[in-house]
């Protein structure tokens, strides 16, 4: 039987499976940036661009805070933006994090 993993600590990288709510938030920000027309200017405004996010996509997360029942972290997306995650629990379904497989 495998030994249970220790809880993550700040700075560790775990894998997160995007949920429907996550995908909606990511893609909305990215489409808002495109629709505003700011993306094609040199105004210095931050716009969110990247490939379309899909439910079930797995992305790396840098753990920034550990709670007794979850973590907060920054999900590194396939684009120039991140997604702030709060109080996410360990698991295998969308909206949860898991340890990366050992290589």
N, C-alpha and C. Protein backbone atom coordinates (compact mmCIF):
# COMPACT_ATOMS: atom_id res chain seq x y z
N UNK A 1 0.85 -1.18 0.00
CA UNK A 1 0.00 0.00 0.00
C UNK A 1 0.90 1.24 0.00
N UNK A 2 0.64 2.21 -0.91
CA UNK A 2 1.48 3.41 -0.94
C UNK A 2 1.32 4.24 0.32
N UNK A 3 2.41 4.89 0.67
CA UNK A 3 2.40 5.76 1.85
C UNK A 3 1.64 7.05 1.53
N UNK A 4 0.77 7.53 2.44
CA UNK A 4 0.04 8.77 2.15
C UNK A 4 0.98 9.96 2.01
N UNK A 5 0.62 10.88 1.13
CA UNK A 5 1.43 12.08 0.91
C UNK A 5 1.20 13.07 2.04
N UNK A 6 2.22 13.84 2.30
CA UNK A 6 2.08 14.94 3.27
C UNK A 6 1.28 16.06 2.62
N UNK A 7 0.70 16.93 3.45
CA UNK A 7 0.00 18.08 2.87
C UNK A 7 0.99 18.96 2.11
N UNK A 8 0.53 19.67 1.10
CA UNK A 8 1.43 20.55 0.37
C UNK A 8 1.90 21.71 1.25
N UNK A 9 3.01 22.29 0.89
CA UNK A 9 3.54 23.46 1.57
C UNK A 9 3.62 24.60 0.56
N UNK A 10 3.76 25.82 1.06
CA UNK A 10 3.87 26.99 0.18
C UNK A 10 5.01 26.79 -0.81
N UNK A 11 4.72 27.16 -2.05
CA UNK A 11 5.73 27.08 -3.09
C UNK A 11 5.70 25.77 -3.87
N UNK A 12 5.03 24.75 -3.34
CA UNK A 12 4.94 23.47 -4.06
C UNK A 12 4.03 23.63 -5.27
N UNK A 13 4.24 22.79 -6.24
CA UNK A 13 3.38 22.78 -7.42
C UNK A 13 2.53 21.51 -7.39
N UNK A 14 1.23 21.71 -7.54
CA UNK A 14 0.28 20.60 -7.63
C UNK A 14 -0.49 20.76 -8.94
N UNK A 15 -1.28 19.78 -9.30
CA UNK A 15 -2.07 19.83 -10.52
C UNK A 15 -3.53 20.07 -10.17
N UNK A 16 -4.17 20.92 -10.94
CA UNK A 16 -5.56 21.30 -10.68
C UNK A 16 -6.40 21.03 -11.92
N UNK A 17 -7.57 20.46 -11.72
CA UNK A 17 -8.49 20.18 -12.82
C UNK A 17 -9.55 21.28 -12.87
N UNK A 18 -9.61 21.98 -14.00
CA UNK A 18 -10.53 23.10 -14.15
C UNK A 18 -11.99 22.65 -14.10
N UNK A 19 -12.79 23.41 -13.38
CA UNK A 19 -14.23 23.15 -13.27
C UNK A 19 -14.98 24.02 -14.29
N UNK A 20 -16.27 23.79 -14.40
CA UNK A 20 -17.10 24.59 -15.31
C UNK A 20 -17.07 26.07 -14.92
N UNK A 21 -17.14 26.37 -13.62
CA UNK A 21 -17.09 27.77 -13.16
C UNK A 21 -15.74 28.41 -13.48
N UNK A 22 -14.65 27.65 -13.30
CA UNK A 22 -13.31 28.16 -13.62
C UNK A 22 -13.22 28.52 -15.10
N UNK A 23 -13.66 27.59 -15.95
CA UNK A 23 -13.58 27.78 -17.40
C UNK A 23 -14.41 28.99 -17.82
N UNK A 24 -15.59 29.14 -17.26
CA UNK A 24 -16.44 30.29 -17.58
C UNK A 24 -15.71 31.60 -17.23
N UNK A 25 -15.10 31.66 -16.05
CA UNK A 25 -14.40 32.88 -15.61
C UNK A 25 -13.20 33.18 -16.51
N UNK A 26 -12.43 32.16 -16.83
CA UNK A 26 -11.24 32.35 -17.67
C UNK A 26 -11.63 32.84 -19.06
N UNK A 27 -12.53 32.11 -19.70
CA UNK A 27 -12.91 32.44 -21.08
C UNK A 27 -13.65 33.77 -21.16
N UNK A 28 -14.42 34.12 -20.13
CA UNK A 28 -15.11 35.42 -20.11
C UNK A 28 -14.09 36.55 -20.07
N UNK A 29 -13.08 36.44 -19.20
CA UNK A 29 -12.06 37.49 -19.13
C UNK A 29 -11.35 37.64 -20.47
N UNK A 30 -11.05 36.51 -21.09
CA UNK A 30 -10.33 36.56 -22.36
C UNK A 30 -11.20 37.13 -23.48
N UNK A 31 -12.48 36.80 -23.51
CA UNK A 31 -13.35 37.35 -24.56
C UNK A 31 -13.63 38.83 -24.30
N UNK A 32 -13.73 39.23 -23.03
CA UNK A 32 -13.90 40.65 -22.71
C UNK A 32 -12.71 41.46 -23.20
N UNK A 33 -11.51 40.91 -23.05
CA UNK A 33 -10.31 41.61 -23.49
C UNK A 33 -10.32 41.77 -25.00
N UNK A 34 -10.74 40.74 -25.72
CA UNK A 34 -10.80 40.81 -27.17
C UNK A 34 -11.86 41.80 -27.62
N UNK A 35 -13.03 41.74 -27.01
CA UNK A 35 -14.15 42.60 -27.40
C UNK A 35 -13.87 44.07 -27.13
N UNK A 36 -13.08 44.36 -26.11
CA UNK A 36 -12.81 45.76 -25.75
C UNK A 36 -11.93 46.46 -26.77
N UNK A 37 -11.18 45.69 -27.55
CA UNK A 37 -10.27 46.30 -28.51
C UNK A 37 -8.97 46.77 -27.91
N UNK A 38 -8.82 46.65 -26.61
CA UNK A 38 -7.60 47.11 -25.94
C UNK A 38 -6.42 46.22 -26.31
N UNK A 39 -6.70 44.95 -26.61
CA UNK A 39 -5.63 44.01 -26.91
C UNK A 39 -4.75 44.40 -28.07
N UNK A 40 -5.29 45.15 -29.03
CA UNK A 40 -4.51 45.53 -30.19
C UNK A 40 -3.81 46.87 -30.05
N UNK A 41 -3.87 47.48 -28.88
CA UNK A 41 -3.26 48.80 -28.68
C UNK A 41 -2.00 48.67 -27.84
N UNK A 42 -1.28 49.74 -27.75
CA UNK A 42 -0.07 49.79 -26.92
C UNK A 42 -0.29 50.73 -25.75
N UNK A 43 -1.43 50.56 -25.07
CA UNK A 43 -1.80 51.46 -23.98
C UNK A 43 -1.18 51.06 -22.65
N UNK A 44 -0.66 49.85 -22.58
CA UNK A 44 -0.12 49.35 -21.31
C UNK A 44 -1.16 48.64 -20.47
N UNK A 45 -2.40 48.60 -20.95
CA UNK A 45 -3.46 47.91 -20.22
C UNK A 45 -3.21 46.40 -20.25
N UNK A 46 -3.47 45.74 -19.14
CA UNK A 46 -3.33 44.28 -19.06
C UNK A 46 -4.56 43.63 -19.67
N UNK A 47 -4.36 42.79 -20.65
CA UNK A 47 -5.47 42.04 -21.22
C UNK A 47 -5.18 40.55 -21.04
N UNK A 48 -6.23 39.77 -20.96
CA UNK A 48 -6.10 38.33 -20.77
C UNK A 48 -6.22 37.65 -22.13
N UNK A 49 -5.14 37.01 -22.55
CA UNK A 49 -5.16 36.28 -23.81
C UNK A 49 -4.60 34.88 -23.58
N UNK A 50 -5.10 33.95 -24.36
CA UNK A 50 -4.61 32.58 -24.27
C UNK A 50 -5.55 31.64 -24.97
N UNK A 51 -5.15 30.38 -25.00
CA UNK A 51 -5.99 29.36 -25.62
C UNK A 51 -7.24 29.13 -24.79
N UNK A 52 -8.31 28.71 -25.45
CA UNK A 52 -9.58 28.47 -24.77
C UNK A 52 -9.41 27.41 -23.69
N UNK A 53 -9.95 27.69 -22.52
CA UNK A 53 -9.93 26.73 -21.41
C UNK A 53 -11.13 25.81 -21.55
N UNK A 54 -10.94 24.55 -21.12
CA UNK A 54 -12.03 23.57 -21.19
C UNK A 54 -12.15 22.85 -19.86
N UNK A 55 -13.37 22.47 -19.51
CA UNK A 55 -13.61 21.69 -18.30
C UNK A 55 -12.77 20.42 -18.38
N UNK A 56 -12.07 20.12 -17.29
CA UNK A 56 -11.22 18.93 -17.25
C UNK A 56 -9.78 19.19 -17.61
N UNK A 57 -9.46 20.38 -18.17
CA UNK A 57 -8.06 20.71 -18.42
C UNK A 57 -7.32 20.66 -17.09
N UNK A 58 -6.11 20.14 -17.12
CA UNK A 58 -5.29 20.05 -15.90
C UNK A 58 -4.15 21.05 -16.03
N UNK A 59 -4.02 21.93 -15.04
CA UNK A 59 -3.02 22.99 -15.07
C UNK A 59 -2.19 22.96 -13.78
N UNK A 60 -0.93 23.43 -13.84
CA UNK A 60 -0.14 23.50 -12.62
C UNK A 60 -0.60 24.66 -11.74
N UNK A 61 -0.49 24.46 -10.45
CA UNK A 61 -0.85 25.48 -9.46
C UNK A 61 0.31 25.64 -8.49
N UNK A 62 0.71 26.88 -8.26
CA UNK A 62 1.69 27.17 -7.22
C UNK A 62 0.91 27.42 -5.93
N UNK A 63 1.19 26.62 -4.92
CA UNK A 63 0.49 26.74 -3.63
C UNK A 63 1.01 27.98 -2.91
N UNK A 64 0.10 28.86 -2.49
CA UNK A 64 0.50 30.07 -1.77
C UNK A 64 0.04 30.10 -0.32
N UNK A 65 -0.96 29.30 0.02
CA UNK A 65 -1.42 29.21 1.41
C UNK A 65 -2.07 27.85 1.61
N UNK A 66 -1.82 27.29 2.79
CA UNK A 66 -2.38 25.98 3.12
C UNK A 66 -3.32 26.14 4.30
N UNK A 67 -4.53 25.63 4.15
CA UNK A 67 -5.54 25.62 5.20
C UNK A 67 -5.73 24.18 5.66
N UNK A 68 -6.37 23.97 6.81
CA UNK A 68 -6.59 22.59 7.27
C UNK A 68 -7.36 21.73 6.26
N UNK A 69 -8.25 22.36 5.48
CA UNK A 69 -9.06 21.57 4.56
C UNK A 69 -8.90 21.96 3.09
N UNK A 70 -7.85 22.69 2.75
CA UNK A 70 -7.65 23.06 1.35
C UNK A 70 -6.46 23.96 1.15
N UNK A 71 -6.29 24.41 -0.09
CA UNK A 71 -5.18 25.28 -0.44
C UNK A 71 -5.69 26.50 -1.20
N UNK A 72 -4.90 27.56 -1.19
CA UNK A 72 -5.05 28.69 -2.10
C UNK A 72 -3.85 28.64 -3.03
N UNK A 73 -4.04 29.06 -4.27
CA UNK A 73 -2.92 29.04 -5.19
C UNK A 73 -3.20 29.80 -6.47
N UNK A 74 -2.14 29.94 -7.25
CA UNK A 74 -2.21 30.57 -8.56
C UNK A 74 -2.10 29.48 -9.62
N UNK A 75 -3.17 29.32 -10.40
CA UNK A 75 -3.16 28.36 -11.50
C UNK A 75 -2.48 29.02 -12.70
N UNK A 76 -1.50 28.34 -13.25
CA UNK A 76 -0.77 28.84 -14.42
C UNK A 76 -1.50 28.36 -15.67
N UNK A 77 -2.12 29.29 -16.37
CA UNK A 77 -2.95 28.97 -17.53
C UNK A 77 -2.15 29.00 -18.82
N UNK A 78 -2.74 28.46 -19.89
CA UNK A 78 -2.09 28.46 -21.20
C UNK A 78 -2.39 29.81 -21.87
N UNK A 79 -1.71 30.82 -21.37
CA UNK A 79 -1.89 32.19 -21.83
C UNK A 79 -1.04 33.10 -20.96
N UNK A 80 -1.35 34.39 -20.98
CA UNK A 80 -0.55 35.34 -20.20
C UNK A 80 -1.16 35.63 -18.84
N UNK A 81 -2.15 34.84 -18.42
CA UNK A 81 -2.86 35.12 -17.18
C UNK A 81 -2.83 33.92 -16.23
N UNK A 82 -3.32 34.16 -15.03
CA UNK A 82 -3.42 33.12 -14.01
C UNK A 82 -4.84 33.12 -13.46
N UNK A 83 -5.15 32.09 -12.70
CA UNK A 83 -6.45 32.03 -12.03
C UNK A 83 -6.20 31.85 -10.55
N UNK A 84 -6.76 32.75 -9.75
CA UNK A 84 -6.62 32.69 -8.30
C UNK A 84 -7.61 31.66 -7.77
N UNK A 85 -7.09 30.65 -7.09
CA UNK A 85 -7.92 29.58 -6.53
C UNK A 85 -7.92 29.69 -5.02
N UNK A 86 -9.08 29.57 -4.41
CA UNK A 86 -9.16 29.64 -2.96
C UNK A 86 -9.86 28.41 -2.40
N UNK A 87 -9.33 27.93 -1.28
CA UNK A 87 -9.93 26.83 -0.51
C UNK A 87 -10.28 25.63 -1.38
N UNK A 88 -9.34 25.20 -2.19
CA UNK A 88 -9.57 24.04 -3.05
C UNK A 88 -9.08 22.78 -2.35
N UNK A 89 -9.87 21.74 -2.46
CA UNK A 89 -9.58 20.47 -1.79
C UNK A 89 -8.87 19.50 -2.73
N UNK A 90 -8.21 18.53 -2.12
CA UNK A 90 -7.56 17.47 -2.89
C UNK A 90 -8.63 16.52 -3.43
N UNK A 91 -8.43 16.04 -4.64
CA UNK A 91 -9.37 15.10 -5.24
C UNK A 91 -9.02 14.81 -6.68
N UNK A 92 -9.95 14.20 -7.39
CA UNK A 92 -9.72 13.84 -8.79
C UNK A 92 -10.74 14.45 -9.73
N UNK A 93 -11.80 15.06 -9.20
CA UNK A 93 -12.83 15.63 -10.06
C UNK A 93 -12.53 17.10 -10.34
N UNK A 94 -13.23 17.70 -11.34
CA UNK A 94 -13.02 19.12 -11.63
C UNK A 94 -13.20 19.97 -10.37
N UNK A 95 -12.34 20.98 -10.23
CA UNK A 95 -12.38 21.87 -9.08
C UNK A 95 -11.53 21.41 -7.92
N UNK A 96 -10.71 20.38 -8.13
CA UNK A 96 -9.84 19.87 -7.07
C UNK A 96 -8.40 19.77 -7.56
N UNK A 97 -7.49 19.62 -6.61
CA UNK A 97 -6.07 19.49 -6.94
C UNK A 97 -5.59 18.08 -6.59
N UNK A 98 -4.45 17.71 -7.21
CA UNK A 98 -3.83 16.42 -6.94
C UNK A 98 -2.33 16.56 -7.07
N UNK A 99 -1.61 15.67 -6.43
CA UNK A 99 -0.16 15.63 -6.59
C UNK A 99 0.17 15.17 -8.00
N UNK A 100 1.22 15.74 -8.62
CA UNK A 100 1.63 15.23 -9.93
C UNK A 100 2.18 13.80 -9.79
N UNK A 101 2.06 13.00 -10.84
CA UNK A 101 2.62 11.66 -10.75
C UNK A 101 4.13 11.72 -10.62
N UNK A 102 4.67 10.77 -9.91
CA UNK A 102 6.13 10.71 -9.78
C UNK A 102 6.70 10.11 -11.05
N UNK A 103 7.80 10.73 -11.51
CA UNK A 103 8.38 10.30 -12.77
C UNK A 103 9.50 9.41 -12.67
